[in-house]
PDB file of N, CA and C in Angstrom:
ATOM      1  N   MET A   1     175.872 143.665 140.675  1.00  0.00           N
ATOM      2  CA  MET A   1     175.207 142.458 141.131  1.00  0.00           C
ATOM      3  C   MET A   1     176.214 141.598 141.897  1.00  0.00           C
ATOM      4  N   ASP A   2     175.795 141.086 143.012  1.00  0.00           N
ATOM      5  CA  ASP A   2     176.638 140.240 143.847  1.00  0.00           C
ATOM      6  C   ASP A   2     176.584 138.808 143.312  1.00  0.00           C
ATOM      7  N   THR A   3     177.609 138.410 142.551  1.00  0.00           N
ATOM      8  CA  THR A   3     177.594 137.082 141.941  1.00  0.00           C
ATOM      9  C   THR A   3     177.684 135.960 142.972  1.00  0.00           C
ATOM     10  N   THR A   4     178.277 136.231 144.120  1.00  0.00           N
ATOM     11  CA  THR A   4     178.317 135.231 145.191  1.00  0.00           C
ATOM     12  C   THR A   4     176.909 134.960 145.703  1.00  0.00           C
ATOM     13  N   ALA A   5     176.118 136.005 145.884  1.00  0.00           N
ATOM     14  CA  ALA A   5     174.729 135.844 146.321  1.00  0.00           C
ATOM     15  C   ALA A   5     173.926 135.086 145.266  1.00  0.00           C
ATOM     16  N   VAL A   6     174.193 135.377 144.001  1.00  0.00           N
ATOM     17  CA  VAL A   6     173.493 134.686 142.917  1.00  0.00           C
ATOM     18  C   VAL A   6     173.805 133.192 142.970  1.00  0.00           C
ATOM     19  N   LYS A   7     175.060 132.861 143.121  1.00  0.00           N
ATOM     20  CA  LYS A   7     175.447 131.447 143.175  1.00  0.00           C
ATOM     21  C   LYS A   7     174.874 130.752 144.400  1.00  0.00           C
ATOM     22  N   THR A   8     174.765 131.472 145.514  1.00  0.00           N
ATOM     23  CA  THR A   8     174.156 130.915 146.718  1.00  0.00           C
ATOM     24  C   THR A   8     172.680 130.607 146.473  1.00  0.00           C
ATOM     25  N   GLY A   9     171.983 131.529 145.826  1.00  0.00           N
ATOM     26  CA  GLY A   9     170.561 131.323 145.518  1.00  0.00           C
ATOM     27  C   GLY A   9     170.344 130.164 144.564  1.00  0.00           C
ATOM     28  N   ILE A  10     171.219 130.025 143.596  1.00  0.00           N
ATOM     29  CA  ILE A  10     171.119 128.924 142.636  1.00  0.00           C
ATOM     30  C   ILE A  10     171.359 127.593 143.343  1.00  0.00           C
ATOM     31  N   GLU A  11     172.280 127.573 144.279  1.00  0.00           N
ATOM     32  CA  GLU A  11     172.588 126.345 145.007  1.00  0.00           C
ATOM     33  C   GLU A  11     171.351 125.806 145.729  1.00  0.00           C
ATOM     34  N   LYS A  12     170.546 126.694 146.279  1.00  0.00           N
ATOM     35  CA  LYS A  12     169.321 126.270 146.967  1.00  0.00           C
ATOM     36  C   LYS A  12     168.369 125.571 146.009  1.00  0.00           C
ATOM     37  N   VAL A  13     168.256 126.065 144.795  1.00  0.00           N
ATOM     38  CA  VAL A  13     167.347 125.481 143.810  1.00  0.00           C
ATOM     39  C   VAL A  13     167.933 124.191 143.243  1.00  0.00           C
ATOM     40  N   ARG A  14     169.244 124.108 143.157  1.00  0.00           N
ATOM     41  CA  ARG A  14     169.887 122.877 142.669  1.00  0.00           C
ATOM     42  C   ARG A  14     169.455 121.680 143.503  1.00  0.00           C
ATOM     43  N   THR A  15     169.278 121.873 144.800  1.00  0.00           N
ATOM     44  CA  THR A  15     168.846 120.794 145.679  1.00  0.00           C
ATOM     45  C   THR A  15     167.491 120.255 145.238  1.00  0.00           C
ATOM     46  N   LEU A  16     166.594 121.145 144.877  1.00  0.00           N
ATOM     47  CA  LEU A  16     165.264 120.760 144.411  1.00  0.00           C
ATOM     48  C   LEU A  16     165.351 119.984 143.096  1.00  0.00           C
ATOM     49  N   VAL A  17     166.150 120.457 142.176  1.00  0.00           N
ATOM     50  CA  VAL A  17     166.295 119.809 140.865  1.00  0.00           C
ATOM     51  C   VAL A  17     167.002 118.460 141.006  1.00  0.00           C
ATOM     52  N   ARG A  18     167.966 118.395 141.900  1.00  0.00           N
ATOM     53  CA  ARG A  18     168.698 117.139 142.122  1.00  0.00           C
ATOM     54  C   ARG A  18     167.789 116.043 142.655  1.00  0.00           C
ATOM     55  N   ALA A  19     166.763 116.413 143.384  1.00  0.00           N
ATOM     56  CA  ALA A  19     165.830 115.423 143.921  1.00  0.00           C
ATOM     57  C   ALA A  19     165.187 114.610 142.801  1.00  0.00           C
ATOM     58  N   ASP A  20     165.074 115.206 141.618  1.00  0.00           N
ATOM     59  CA  ASP A  20     164.509 114.517 140.455  1.00  0.00           C
ATOM     60  C   ASP A  20     165.594 113.929 139.555  1.00  0.00           C
ATOM     61  N   GLY A  21     166.867 114.033 139.965  1.00  0.00           N
ATOM     62  CA  GLY A  21     167.958 113.459 139.195  1.00  0.00           C
ATOM     63  C   GLY A  21     168.625 114.427 138.237  1.00  0.00           C
ATOM     64  N   GLY A  22     168.179 115.671 138.200  1.00  0.00           N
ATOM     65  CA  GLY A  22     168.785 116.672 137.330  1.00  0.00           C
ATOM     66  C   GLY A  22     169.769 117.532 138.094  1.00  0.00           C
ATOM     67  N   ASP A  23     170.264 118.540 137.430  1.00  0.00           N
ATOM     68  CA  ASP A  23     171.164 119.494 138.074  1.00  0.00           C
ATOM     69  C   ASP A  23     171.155 120.788 137.262  1.00  0.00           C
ATOM     70  N   LEU A  24     171.676 121.838 137.845  1.00  0.00           N
ATOM     71  CA  LEU A  24     171.794 123.128 137.172  1.00  0.00           C
ATOM     72  C   LEU A  24     173.244 123.571 137.202  1.00  0.00           C
ATOM     73  N   THR A  25     173.703 124.118 136.087  1.00  0.00           N
ATOM     74  CA  THR A  25     175.031 124.711 136.044  1.00  0.00           C
ATOM     75  C   THR A  25     174.898 126.151 135.570  1.00  0.00           C
ATOM     76  N   VAL A  26     175.769 126.998 136.069  1.00  0.00           N
ATOM     77  CA  VAL A  26     175.775 128.398 135.661  1.00  0.00           C
ATOM     78  C   VAL A  26     176.509 128.498 134.326  1.00  0.00           C
ATOM     79  N   VAL A  27     175.842 129.088 133.341  1.00  0.00           N
ATOM     80  CA  VAL A  27     176.454 129.307 132.035  1.00  0.00           C
ATOM     81  C   VAL A  27     177.038 130.712 131.984  1.00  0.00           C
ATOM     82  N   ASP A  28     176.253 131.696 132.446  1.00  0.00           N
ATOM     83  CA  ASP A  28     176.701 133.086 132.378  1.00  0.00           C
ATOM     84  C   ASP A  28     175.879 133.926 133.349  1.00  0.00           C
ATOM     85  N   ILE A  29     176.488 134.951 133.869  1.00  0.00           N
ATOM     86  CA  ILE A  29     175.807 135.956 134.688  1.00  0.00           C
ATOM     87  C   ILE A  29     176.086 137.299 134.046  1.00  0.00           C
ATOM     88  N   GLU A  30     175.033 137.996 133.643  1.00  0.00           N
ATOM     89  CA  GLU A  30     175.166 139.311 133.016  1.00  0.00           C
ATOM     90  C   GLU A  30     174.742 140.382 134.021  1.00  0.00           C
ATOM     91  N   PRO A  31     175.681 140.889 134.817  1.00  0.00           N
ATOM     92  CA  PRO A  31     175.334 141.860 135.856  1.00  0.00           C
ATOM     93  C   PRO A  31     174.660 143.122 135.313  1.00  0.00           C
ATOM     94  N   GLU A  32     175.142 143.620 134.174  1.00  0.00           N
ATOM     95  CA  GLU A  32     174.587 144.865 133.623  1.00  0.00           C
ATOM     96  C   GLU A  32     173.125 144.701 133.206  1.00  0.00           C
ATOM     97  N   ALA A  33     172.799 143.527 132.681  1.00  0.00           N
ATOM     98  CA  ALA A  33     171.439 143.271 132.197  1.00  0.00           C
ATOM     99  C   ALA A  33     170.551 142.633 133.263  1.00  0.00           C
ATOM    100  N   GLY A  34     171.150 142.137 134.338  1.00  0.00           N
ATOM    101  CA  GLY A  34     170.375 141.478 135.386  1.00  0.00           C
ATOM    102  C   GLY A  34     169.881 140.101 134.977  1.00  0.00           C
ATOM    103  N   ILE A  35     170.635 139.435 134.083  1.00  0.00           N
ATOM    104  CA  ILE A  35     170.210 138.135 133.560  1.00  0.00           C
ATOM    105  C   ILE A  35     171.170 137.043 134.020  1.00  0.00           C
ATOM    106  N   VAL A  36     170.590 135.919 134.419  1.00  0.00           N
ATOM    107  CA  VAL A  36     171.366 134.746 134.809  1.00  0.00           C
ATOM    108  C   VAL A  36     171.003 133.623 133.838  1.00  0.00           C
ATOM    109  N   HIS A  37     172.013 133.042 133.212  1.00  0.00           N
ATOM    110  CA  HIS A  37     171.820 131.933 132.268  1.00  0.00           C
ATOM    111  C   HIS A  37     172.269 130.635 132.939  1.00  0.00           C
ATOM    112  N   LEU A  38     171.382 129.643 132.921  1.00  0.00           N
ATOM    113  CA  LEU A  38     171.678 128.343 133.504  1.00  0.00           C
ATOM    114  C   LEU A  38     171.461 127.246 132.474  1.00  0.00           C
ATOM    115  N   ARG A  39     172.055 126.096 132.718  1.00  0.00           N
ATOM    116  CA  ARG A  39     171.833 124.921 131.875  1.00  0.00           C
ATOM    117  C   ARG A  39     171.294 123.807 132.765  1.00  0.00           C
ATOM    118  N   LEU A  40     170.229 123.174 132.304  1.00  0.00           N
ATOM    119  CA  LEU A  40     169.674 122.017 132.989  1.00  0.00           C
ATOM    120  C   LEU A  40     170.430 120.786 132.519  1.00  0.00           C
ATOM    121  N   VAL A  41     170.979 120.040 133.467  1.00  0.00           N
ATOM    122  CA  VAL A  41     171.758 118.837 133.164  1.00  0.00           C
ATOM    123  C   VAL A  41     170.923 117.631 133.572  1.00  0.00           C
ATOM    124  N   LEU A  42     170.749 116.704 132.623  1.00  0.00           N
ATOM    125  CA  LEU A  42     169.861 115.564 132.869  1.00  0.00           C
ATOM    126  C   LEU A  42     170.543 114.209 132.737  1.00  0.00           C
ATOM    127  N   GLU A  43     171.870 114.159 132.637  1.00  0.00           N
ATOM    128  CA  GLU A  43     172.568 112.896 132.434  1.00  0.00           C
ATOM    129  C   GLU A  43     172.277 111.860 133.520  1.00  0.00           C
ATOM    130  N   GLU A  44     172.105 112.300 134.749  1.00  0.00           N
ATOM    131  CA  GLU A  44     171.885 111.373 135.864  1.00  0.00           C
ATOM    132  C   GLU A  44     170.402 111.116 136.154  1.00  0.00           C
ATOM    133  N   ALA A  45     169.525 111.764 135.428  1.00  0.00           N
ATOM    134  CA  ALA A  45     168.087 111.619 135.684  1.00  0.00           C
ATOM    135  C   ALA A  45     167.579 110.298 135.111  1.00  0.00           C
ATOM    136  N   ASN A  46     166.926 109.490 135.949  1.00  0.00           N
ATOM    137  CA  ASN A  46     166.319 108.252 135.471  1.00  0.00           C
ATOM    138  C   ASN A  46     165.112 108.550 134.590  1.00  0.00           C
ATOM    139  N   CYS A  47     164.467 109.665 134.858  1.00  0.00           N
ATOM    140  CA  CYS A  47     163.280 110.078 134.105  1.00  0.00           C
ATOM    141  C   CYS A  47     163.425 111.569 133.807  1.00  0.00           C
ATOM    142  N   ALA A  48     163.970 111.890 132.638  1.00  0.00           N
ATOM    143  CA  ALA A  48     164.201 113.294 132.286  1.00  0.00           C
ATOM    144  C   ALA A  48     162.904 114.093 132.288  1.00  0.00           C
ATOM    145  N   GLU A  49     161.822 113.471 131.894  1.00  0.00           N
ATOM    146  CA  GLU A  49     160.545 114.184 131.844  1.00  0.00           C
ATOM    147  C   GLU A  49     159.967 114.432 133.245  1.00  0.00           C
ATOM    148  N   CYS A  50     160.517 113.760 134.245  1.00  0.00           N
ATOM    149  CA  CYS A  50     160.048 113.952 135.627  1.00  0.00           C
ATOM    150  C   CYS A  50     160.661 115.196 136.266  1.00  0.00           C
ATOM    151  N   VAL A  51     161.735 115.705 135.691  1.00  0.00           N
ATOM    152  CA  VAL A  51     162.387 116.914 136.206  1.00  0.00           C
ATOM    153  C   VAL A  51     161.515 118.116 135.846  1.00  0.00           C
ATOM    154  N   LEU A  52     161.436 119.059 136.754  1.00  0.00           N
ATOM    155  CA  LEU A  52     160.620 120.261 136.524  1.00  0.00           C
ATOM    156  C   LEU A  52     160.889 120.870 135.153  1.00  0.00           C
ATOM    157  N   PRO A  53     159.854 121.411 134.514  1.00  0.00           N
ATOM    158  CA  PRO A  53     160.058 122.110 133.242  1.00  0.00           C
ATOM    159  C   PRO A  53     160.911 123.368 133.456  1.00  0.00           C
ATOM    160  N   ALA A  54     161.621 123.764 132.408  1.00  0.00           N
ATOM    161  CA  ALA A  54     162.514 124.929 132.488  1.00  0.00           C
ATOM    162  C   ALA A  54     161.776 126.181 132.948  1.00  0.00           C
ATOM    163  N   ALA A  55     160.557 126.393 132.471  1.00  0.00           N
ATOM    164  CA  ALA A  55     159.807 127.595 132.853  1.00  0.00           C
ATOM    165  C   ALA A  55     159.574 127.650 134.360  1.00  0.00           C
ATOM    166  N   HIS A  56     159.291 126.502 134.968  1.00  0.00           N
ATOM    167  CA  HIS A  56     159.096 126.476 136.425  1.00  0.00           C
ATOM    168  C   HIS A  56     160.410 126.720 137.157  1.00  0.00           C
ATOM    169  N   ILE A  57     161.480 126.122 136.648  1.00  0.00           N
ATOM    170  CA  ILE A  57     162.790 126.337 137.269  1.00  0.00           C
ATOM    171  C   ILE A  57     163.158 127.813 137.191  1.00  0.00           C
ATOM    172  N   GLU A  58     162.919 128.442 136.049  1.00  0.00           N
ATOM    173  CA  GLU A  58     163.221 129.866 135.895  1.00  0.00           C
ATOM    174  C   GLU A  58     162.484 130.701 136.935  1.00  0.00           C
ATOM    175  N   GLU A  59     161.201 130.405 137.154  1.00  0.00           N
ATOM    176  CA  GLU A  59     160.412 131.156 138.143  1.00  0.00           C
ATOM    177  C   GLU A  59     160.954 130.958 139.552  1.00  0.00           C
ATOM    178  N   ILE A  60     161.268 129.717 139.889  1.00  0.00           N
ATOM    179  CA  ILE A  60     161.750 129.405 141.236  1.00  0.00           C
ATOM    180  C   ILE A  60     163.100 130.074 141.484  1.00  0.00           C
ATOM    181  N   VAL A  61     164.004 129.980 140.504  1.00  0.00           N
ATOM    182  CA  VAL A  61     165.321 130.592 140.656  1.00  0.00           C
ATOM    183  C   VAL A  61     165.191 132.107 140.760  1.00  0.00           C
ATOM    184  N   LEU A  62     164.359 132.708 139.914  1.00  0.00           N
ATOM    185  CA  LEU A  62     164.181 134.159 139.947  1.00  0.00           C
ATOM    186  C   LEU A  62     163.685 134.613 141.318  1.00  0.00           C
ATOM    187  N   ARG A  63     162.672 133.943 141.854  1.00  0.00           N
ATOM    188  CA  ARG A  63     162.159 134.307 143.185  1.00  0.00           C
ATOM    189  C   ARG A  63     163.238 134.148 144.250  1.00  0.00           C
ATOM    190  N   SER A  64     163.996 133.078 144.160  1.00  0.00           N
ATOM    191  CA  SER A  64     165.060 132.831 145.128  1.00  0.00           C
ATOM    192  C   SER A  64     166.139 133.909 145.046  1.00  0.00           C
ATOM    193  N   LEU A  65     166.502 134.279 143.818  1.00  0.00           N
ATOM    194  CA  LEU A  65     167.582 135.247 143.637  1.00  0.00           C
ATOM    195  C   LEU A  65     167.180 136.668 143.988  1.00  0.00           C
ATOM    196  N   GLN A  66     165.944 137.027 143.738  1.00  0.00           N
ATOM    197  CA  GLN A  66     165.537 138.410 143.991  1.00  0.00           C
ATOM    198  C   GLN A  66     165.620 138.777 145.460  1.00  0.00           C
ATOM    199  N   GLY A  67     165.526 137.809 146.337  1.00  0.00           N
ATOM    200  CA  GLY A  67     165.713 138.089 147.755  1.00  0.00           C
ATOM    201  C   GLY A  67     167.165 138.347 148.107  1.00  0.00           C
ATOM    202  N   LEU A  68     168.076 137.762 147.340  1.00  0.00           N
ATOM    203  CA  LEU A  68     169.508 137.890 147.605  1.00  0.00           C
ATOM    204  C   LEU A  68     170.179 138.933 146.719  1.00  0.00           C
ATOM    205  N   ALA A  69     169.718 139.031 145.487  1.00  0.00           N
ATOM    206  CA  ALA A  69     170.294 139.962 144.504  1.00  0.00           C
ATOM    207  C   ALA A  69     169.146 140.580 143.714  1.00  0.00           C
ATOM    208  N   PRO A  70     168.536 141.654 144.256  1.00  0.00           N
ATOM    209  CA  PRO A  70     167.356 142.255 143.627  1.00  0.00           C
ATOM    210  C   PRO A  70     167.585 142.747 142.194  1.00  0.00           C
ATOM    211  N   GLU A  71     168.844 142.868 141.796  1.00  0.00           N
ATOM    212  CA  GLU A  71     169.161 143.331 140.441  1.00  0.00           C
ATOM    213  C   GLU A  71     168.816 142.292 139.381  1.00  0.00           C
ATOM    214  N   VAL A  72     168.651 141.028 139.795  1.00  0.00           N
ATOM    215  CA  VAL A  72     168.327 139.968 138.845  1.00  0.00           C
ATOM    216  C   VAL A  72     166.890 140.167 138.367  1.00  0.00           C
ATOM    217  N   SER A  73     166.748 140.341 137.066  1.00  0.00           N
ATOM    218  CA  SER A  73     165.422 140.572 136.493  1.00  0.00           C
ATOM    219  C   SER A  73     164.942 139.412 135.634  1.00  0.00           C
ATOM    220  N   ARG A  74     165.878 138.514 135.275  1.00  0.00           N
ATOM    221  CA  ARG A  74     165.493 137.419 134.389  1.00  0.00           C
ATOM    222  C   ARG A  74     166.435 136.238 134.584  1.00  0.00           C
ATOM    223  N   VAL A  75     165.858 135.036 134.507  1.00  0.00           N
ATOM    224  CA  VAL A  75     166.633 133.796 134.552  1.00  0.00           C
ATOM    225  C   VAL A  75     166.270 133.006 133.300  1.00  0.00           C
ATOM    226  N   VAL A  76     167.287 132.521 132.607  1.00  0.00           N
ATOM    227  CA  VAL A  76     167.080 131.732 131.399  1.00  0.00           C
ATOM    228  C   VAL A  76     167.705 130.356 131.625  1.00  0.00           C
ATOM    229  N   VAL A  77     166.901 129.309 131.425  1.00  0.00           N
ATOM    230  CA  VAL A  77     167.392 127.945 131.590  1.00  0.00           C
ATOM    231  C   VAL A  77     167.419 127.248 130.234  1.00  0.00           C
ATOM    232  N   ASP A  78     168.598 126.777 129.851  1.00  0.00           N
ATOM    233  CA  ASP A  78     168.762 125.985 128.635  1.00  0.00           C
ATOM    234  C   ASP A  78     168.360 124.556 128.980  1.00  0.00           C
ATOM    235  N   ASP A  79     167.259 124.103 128.380  1.00  0.00           N
ATOM    236  CA  ASP A  79     166.703 122.779 128.678  1.00  0.00           C
ATOM    237  C   ASP A  79     166.975 121.848 127.489  1.00  0.00           C
ATOM    238  N   PRO A  80     167.751 120.783 127.688  1.00  0.00           N
ATOM    239  CA  PRO A  80     168.065 119.893 126.579  1.00  0.00           C
ATOM    240  C   PRO A  80     166.861 119.126 126.045  1.00  0.00           C
ATOM    241  N   ARG A  81     165.747 119.150 126.769  1.00  0.00           N
ATOM    242  CA  ARG A  81     164.537 118.456 126.308  1.00  0.00           C
ATOM    243  C   ARG A  81     163.789 119.249 125.243  1.00  0.00           C
ATOM    244  N   VAL A  82     164.169 120.511 125.072  1.00  0.00           N
ATOM    245  CA  VAL A  82     163.492 121.392 124.101  1.00  0.00           C
ATOM    246  C   VAL A  82     164.324 121.455 122.833  1.00  0.00           C
ATOM    247  N   ASP A  83     163.684 121.214 121.699  1.00  0.00           N
ATOM    248  CA  ASP A  83     164.391 121.314 120.426  1.00  0.00           C
ATOM    249  C   ASP A  83     164.785 122.750 120.162  1.00  0.00           C
ATOM    250  N   SER A  84     165.983 122.932 119.636  1.00  0.00           N
ATOM    251  CA  SER A  84     166.469 124.280 119.317  1.00  0.00           C
ATOM    252  C   SER A  84     165.892 124.785 118.025  1.00  0.00           C
TER     253      SER A  84
END
């Protein structure tokens, strides 16, 4: 898996999330499994609930990445708004 392509694809989605005051950080990239782990950061968000839900972010990132790195089969977003 081309991790540079993955990071490029994530950067495009970060712009969308930043518009709502959030951000995304890369936690881990598992090339063998095709999984990308991200964390949703909400410290700067005036309205944390206004930021897209993690499930939507996962779909958007996955679609974005599959064009650049077809090996990516799953995106997982750690959302601090969800109780563990």
